Amino acid sequence: MLREFGLNETVYLIMATRWTIALSLVAFVGGGLLGLTLAILRVSPFAPLRFVSALYIQLFQATPLLLLLMLLYFGINFFGVRIDAWTAASIGFTLSTAAFLAEIWRGCLESVPRLQWEGARALALNFYQTMRLVILPQAVRIALPPTVGYMVQVVKGTSVAALIGFTELARAGTQMNTITFQPILVFGTVSTIYFALCWPLSLLSRYLERKLHVGHVRVQAM
């Protein structure tokens, strides 16, 4: 029996948003930690480490996220292992996010002027010291806008998890449309919630860009 889209239905969508936010945070934190490691390995002076990092990035950037989720949720059953939709989505988004953040941050690391790298070598700093004391502090400023921009993509991309049965905002909207058959109201509300999640991130990106003068990296004396 159909029912009208009202306050209770709106509250249901808002409650489902918790899982969209939770999945986005897991993907960003887990993917960020792994992505930073991969980005550093990508600019490492050791060729085998660069190869391993590049291979990971190419593999997961070339794998559609939906396919990755399907492999984790359904394909792994062939090996006698069964995981729930939340675990599969968390792992899948973390692995995919790490690959894209690693490439973004690799570009930011390499955009630091070469004089900074050469100055660190002149001071006899090893690779770890160079990254920690010289390169990373400057690269962080450069990385802020593209990182926050990609975070917006992660939030919107969580809707893909609905296809493996994970009930986040997009799936909740589909369920609500089935029982109300009012797609304009339902998906209009879903779109509004997504906008409310993503727009502040875009504003934050622009604020930090102005505040930290991103794009105007100065070569400072070491």
Protein backbone atom coordinates (compact mmCIF):
# COMPACT_ATOMS: atom_id res chain seq x y z
CA MET A 1 0.00 0.00 0.00
CA LEU A 2 1.37 3.39 -1.00
CA ARG A 3 1.80 6.13 1.57
CA GLU A 4 2.51 9.85 1.41
CA PHE A 5 6.04 11.21 1.66
CA GLY A 6 6.12 13.24 4.86
CA LEU A 7 8.10 14.00 7.99
CA ASN A 8 8.70 10.38 9.01
CA GLU A 9 10.02 9.52 5.58
CA THR A 10 12.32 12.55 5.63
CA VAL A 11 13.66 11.54 9.04
CA TYR A 12 14.34 8.04 7.68
CA LEU A 13 16.45 9.51 4.88
CA ILE A 14 18.33 11.73 7.33
CA MET A 15 19.04 8.74 9.57
CA ALA A 16 20.37 6.80 6.59
CA THR A 17 22.74 9.69 5.94
CA ARG A 18 24.70 8.56 9.01
CA TRP A 19 25.94 5.57 7.05
CA THR A 20 26.91 7.71 4.09
CA ILE A 21 28.98 9.90 6.41
CA ALA A 22 30.44 6.90 8.24
CA LEU A 23 31.48 5.17 5.02
CA SER A 24 32.98 8.40 3.68
CA LEU A 25 35.04 8.86 6.86
CA VAL A 26 36.27 5.27 6.83
CA ALA A 27 37.25 5.59 3.17
CA PHE A 28 39.00 8.91 3.71
CA VAL A 29 40.87 7.99 6.90
CA GLY A 30 41.85 4.47 5.81
CA GLY A 31 42.48 5.49 2.23
CA GLY A 32 44.38 8.56 3.37
CA LEU A 33 46.80 6.61 5.54
CA LEU A 34 47.41 4.01 2.84
CA GLY A 35 47.49 6.66 0.12
CA LEU A 36 50.10 8.75 1.94
CA THR A 37 52.32 5.69 2.29
CA LEU A 38 51.93 4.89 -1.40
CA ALA A 39 52.62 8.50 -2.41
CA ILE A 40 55.86 8.55 -0.43
CA LEU A 41 56.89 5.22 -1.88
CA ARG A 42 56.08 6.59 -5.33
CA VAL A 43 58.81 9.24 -4.98
CA SER A 44 61.19 6.97 -3.09
CA PRO A 45 64.76 6.64 -4.39
CA PHE A 46 64.34 2.85 -4.29
CA ALA A 47 63.10 1.51 -7.63
CA PRO A 48 61.36 -1.65 -6.28
CA LEU A 49 59.26 0.44 -3.89
CA ARG A 50 58.33 2.83 -6.69
CA PHE A 51 57.31 -0.12 -8.84
CA VAL A 52 55.10 -1.68 -6.15
CA SER A 53 53.40 1.63 -5.45
CA ALA A 54 52.84 2.39 -9.15
CA LEU A 55 51.45 -1.11 -9.72
CA TYR A 56 48.93 -0.71 -6.88
CA ILE A 57 47.83 2.71 -8.10
CA GLN A 58 47.40 1.58 -11.70
CA LEU A 59 45.55 -1.59 -10.68
CA PHE A 60 42.97 0.06 -8.43
CA GLN A 61 42.51 3.16 -10.57
CA ALA A 62 41.77 0.90 -13.54
CA THR A 63 39.30 -1.25 -11.57
CA PRO A 64 35.74 0.15 -11.48
CA LEU A 65 34.61 0.66 -7.90
CA LEU A 66 31.41 -1.30 -8.50
CA LEU A 67 33.41 -4.28 -9.77
CA LEU A 68 35.69 -4.09 -6.74
CA LEU A 69 32.70 -4.10 -4.39
CA MET A 70 31.17 -7.06 -6.23
CA LEU A 71 34.42 -9.01 -5.96
CA LEU A 72 34.67 -8.32 -2.24
CA TYR A 73 31.03 -9.00 -1.41
CA PHE A 74 30.17 -11.86 -3.78
CA GLY A 75 33.42 -13.16 -5.27
CA ILE A 76 35.13 -13.81 -1.95
CA ASN A 77 32.41 -16.34 -1.12
CA PHE A 78 34.08 -18.79 -3.50
CA PHE A 79 36.97 -18.99 -1.03
CA GLY A 80 34.65 -19.81 1.87
CA VAL A 81 34.79 -16.32 3.37
CA ARG A 82 31.63 -14.28 3.84
CA ILE A 83 31.63 -10.63 4.85
CA ASP A 84 28.75 -8.25 5.34
CA ALA A 85 27.95 -5.29 3.10
CA TRP A 86 29.44 -2.75 5.52
CA THR A 87 32.79 -4.54 5.67
CA ALA A 88 32.93 -5.04 1.90
CA ALA A 89 32.07 -1.39 1.27
CA SER A 90 34.64 -0.17 3.82
CA ILE A 91 37.44 -2.27 2.34
CA GLY A 92 36.50 -1.47 -1.25
CA PHE A 93 36.27 2.28 -0.74
CA THR A 94 39.47 2.34 1.30
CA LEU A 95 41.45 0.52 -1.39
CA SER A 96 40.06 2.67 -4.19
CA THR A 97 40.41 5.96 -2.32
CA ALA A 98 44.02 5.15 -1.44
CA ALA A 99 44.93 4.75 -5.11
CA PHE A 100 43.49 8.11 -6.14
CA LEU A 101 44.78 10.03 -3.12
CA ALA A 102 48.22 8.51 -3.61
CA GLU A 103 48.39 9.86 -7.16
CA ILE A 104 47.06 13.26 -6.09
CA TRP A 105 49.57 13.53 -3.28
CA ARG A 106 52.41 12.18 -5.43
CA GLY A 107 51.85 15.13 -7.76
CA CYS A 108 51.85 17.50 -4.80
CA LEU A 109 55.12 16.07 -3.47
CA GLU A 110 56.77 16.42 -6.86
CA SER A 111 55.48 19.98 -7.26
CA VAL A 112 57.67 21.16 -4.39
CA PRO A 113 60.57 23.03 -6.06
CA ARG A 114 63.60 20.86 -6.78
CA LEU A 115 65.79 23.33 -4.91
CA GLN A 116 64.17 22.12 -1.71
CA TRP A 117 65.11 18.51 -2.46
CA GLU A 118 68.64 19.49 -3.45
CA GLY A 119 69.04 21.66 -0.35
CA ALA A 120 68.01 18.74 1.86
CA ARG A 121 70.59 16.51 0.19
CA ALA A 122 73.21 19.23 0.68
CA LEU A 123 72.44 19.12 4.41
CA ALA A 124 72.98 15.34 4.37
CA LEU A 125 69.36 14.61 5.27
CA ASN A 126 68.18 11.10 4.44
CA PHE A 127 64.97 10.43 2.53
CA TYR A 128 62.83 10.12 5.67
CA GLN A 129 64.18 13.36 7.15
CA THR A 130 63.77 15.17 3.83
CA MET A 131 60.12 14.13 3.58
CA ARG A 132 59.26 14.89 7.21
CA LEU A 133 61.13 18.14 7.68
CA VAL A 134 61.20 19.73 4.23
CA ILE A 135 58.83 18.31 1.63
CA LEU A 136 55.67 17.24 3.47
CA PRO A 137 55.09 20.59 5.26
CA GLN A 138 55.09 22.36 1.90
CA ALA A 139 53.18 19.66 0.01
CA VAL A 140 50.33 19.72 2.55
CA ARG A 141 49.43 23.26 1.53
CA ILE A 142 49.42 22.33 -2.14
CA ALA A 143 47.38 19.16 -1.51
CA LEU A 144 44.48 20.73 0.38
CA PRO A 145 42.22 21.80 -2.54
CA PRO A 146 42.47 18.57 -4.60
CA THR A 147 42.14 16.45 -1.45
CA VAL A 148 38.97 18.15 -0.29
CA GLY A 149 37.69 18.08 -3.88
CA TYR A 150 38.19 14.34 -4.03
CA MET A 151 36.47 13.98 -0.65
CA VAL A 152 33.36 15.39 -2.30
CA GLN A 153 33.64 12.64 -4.91
CA VAL A 154 33.95 10.03 -2.16
CA VAL A 155 30.77 11.25 -0.47
CA LYS A 156 28.82 11.09 -3.72
CA GLY A 157 30.43 7.81 -4.69
CA THR A 158 29.13 6.03 -1.60
CA SER A 159 25.85 5.63 -3.47
CA VAL A 160 27.49 2.77 -5.41
CA ALA A 161 27.48 0.71 -2.19
CA ALA A 162 23.69 0.45 -2.50
CA LEU A 163 24.19 -2.15 -5.23
CA ILE A 164 25.62 -4.67 -2.76
CA GLY A 165 22.81 -4.12 -0.26
CA PHE A 166 24.43 -1.48 1.94
CA THR A 167 21.69 0.87 3.13
CA GLU A 168 23.05 4.38 2.87
CA LEU A 169 21.33 7.53 1.61
CA ALA A 170 20.86 6.49 -2.04
CA ARG A 171 19.50 3.04 -1.18
CA ALA A 172 17.22 4.52 1.49
CA GLY A 173 15.88 6.90 -1.15
CA THR A 174 15.18 4.00 -3.52
CA GLN A 175 13.38 2.11 -0.75
CA MET A 176 11.31 5.17 0.13
CA ASN A 177 10.38 5.76 -3.50
CA THR A 178 9.09 2.18 -3.71
CA ILE A 179 6.59 2.70 -0.89
CA THR A 180 5.58 6.27 -1.73
CA PHE A 181 5.97 6.37 -5.52
CA GLN A 182 6.79 10.08 -5.31
CA PRO A 183 10.20 10.23 -7.00
CA ILE A 184 10.36 14.01 -7.28
CA LEU A 185 9.89 14.50 -3.53
CA VAL A 186 12.03 11.53 -2.52
CA PHE A 187 15.00 12.04 -4.79
CA GLY A 188 14.72 15.80 -4.50
CA THR A 189 15.19 15.36 -0.74
CA VAL A 190 18.08 12.93 -1.33
CA SER A 191 19.75 15.45 -3.65
CA THR A 192 19.31 18.20 -1.08
CA ILE A 193 20.98 16.09 1.60
CA TYR A 194 23.91 15.29 -0.70
CA PHE A 195 24.24 19.00 -1.46
CA ALA A 196 24.22 19.80 2.26
CA LEU A 197 27.06 17.33 2.75
CA CYS A 198 29.23 18.38 -0.18
CA TRP A 199 28.79 22.14 -0.39
CA PRO A 200 30.47 22.90 2.99
CA LEU A 201 33.46 20.82 1.88
CA SER A 202 33.81 22.95 -1.25
CA LEU A 203 33.58 26.13 0.85
CA LEU A 204 36.19 24.77 3.24
CA SER A 205 38.51 24.02 0.33
CA ARG A 206 38.30 27.57 -0.97
CA TYR A 207 38.75 29.04 2.52
CA LEU A 208 41.87 26.97 3.20
CA GLU A 209 43.25 27.81 -0.23
CA ARG A 210 42.98 31.52 0.55
CA LYS A 211 44.11 31.17 4.15
CA LEU A 212 47.23 29.16 3.35
CA HIS A 213 47.96 30.84 0.01
CA VAL A 214 47.90 27.54 -1.84
CA GLY A 215 49.37 27.84 -5.32
CA HIS A 216 52.02 30.32 -4.21
CA VAL A 217 54.71 28.05 -2.90
CA ARG A 218 57.77 30.06 -2.02
CA VAL A 219 61.31 28.73 -2.03
CA GLN A 220 62.62 29.49 1.43
CA ALA A 221 66.16 29.38 2.67
CA MET A 222 66.94 26.20 4.55
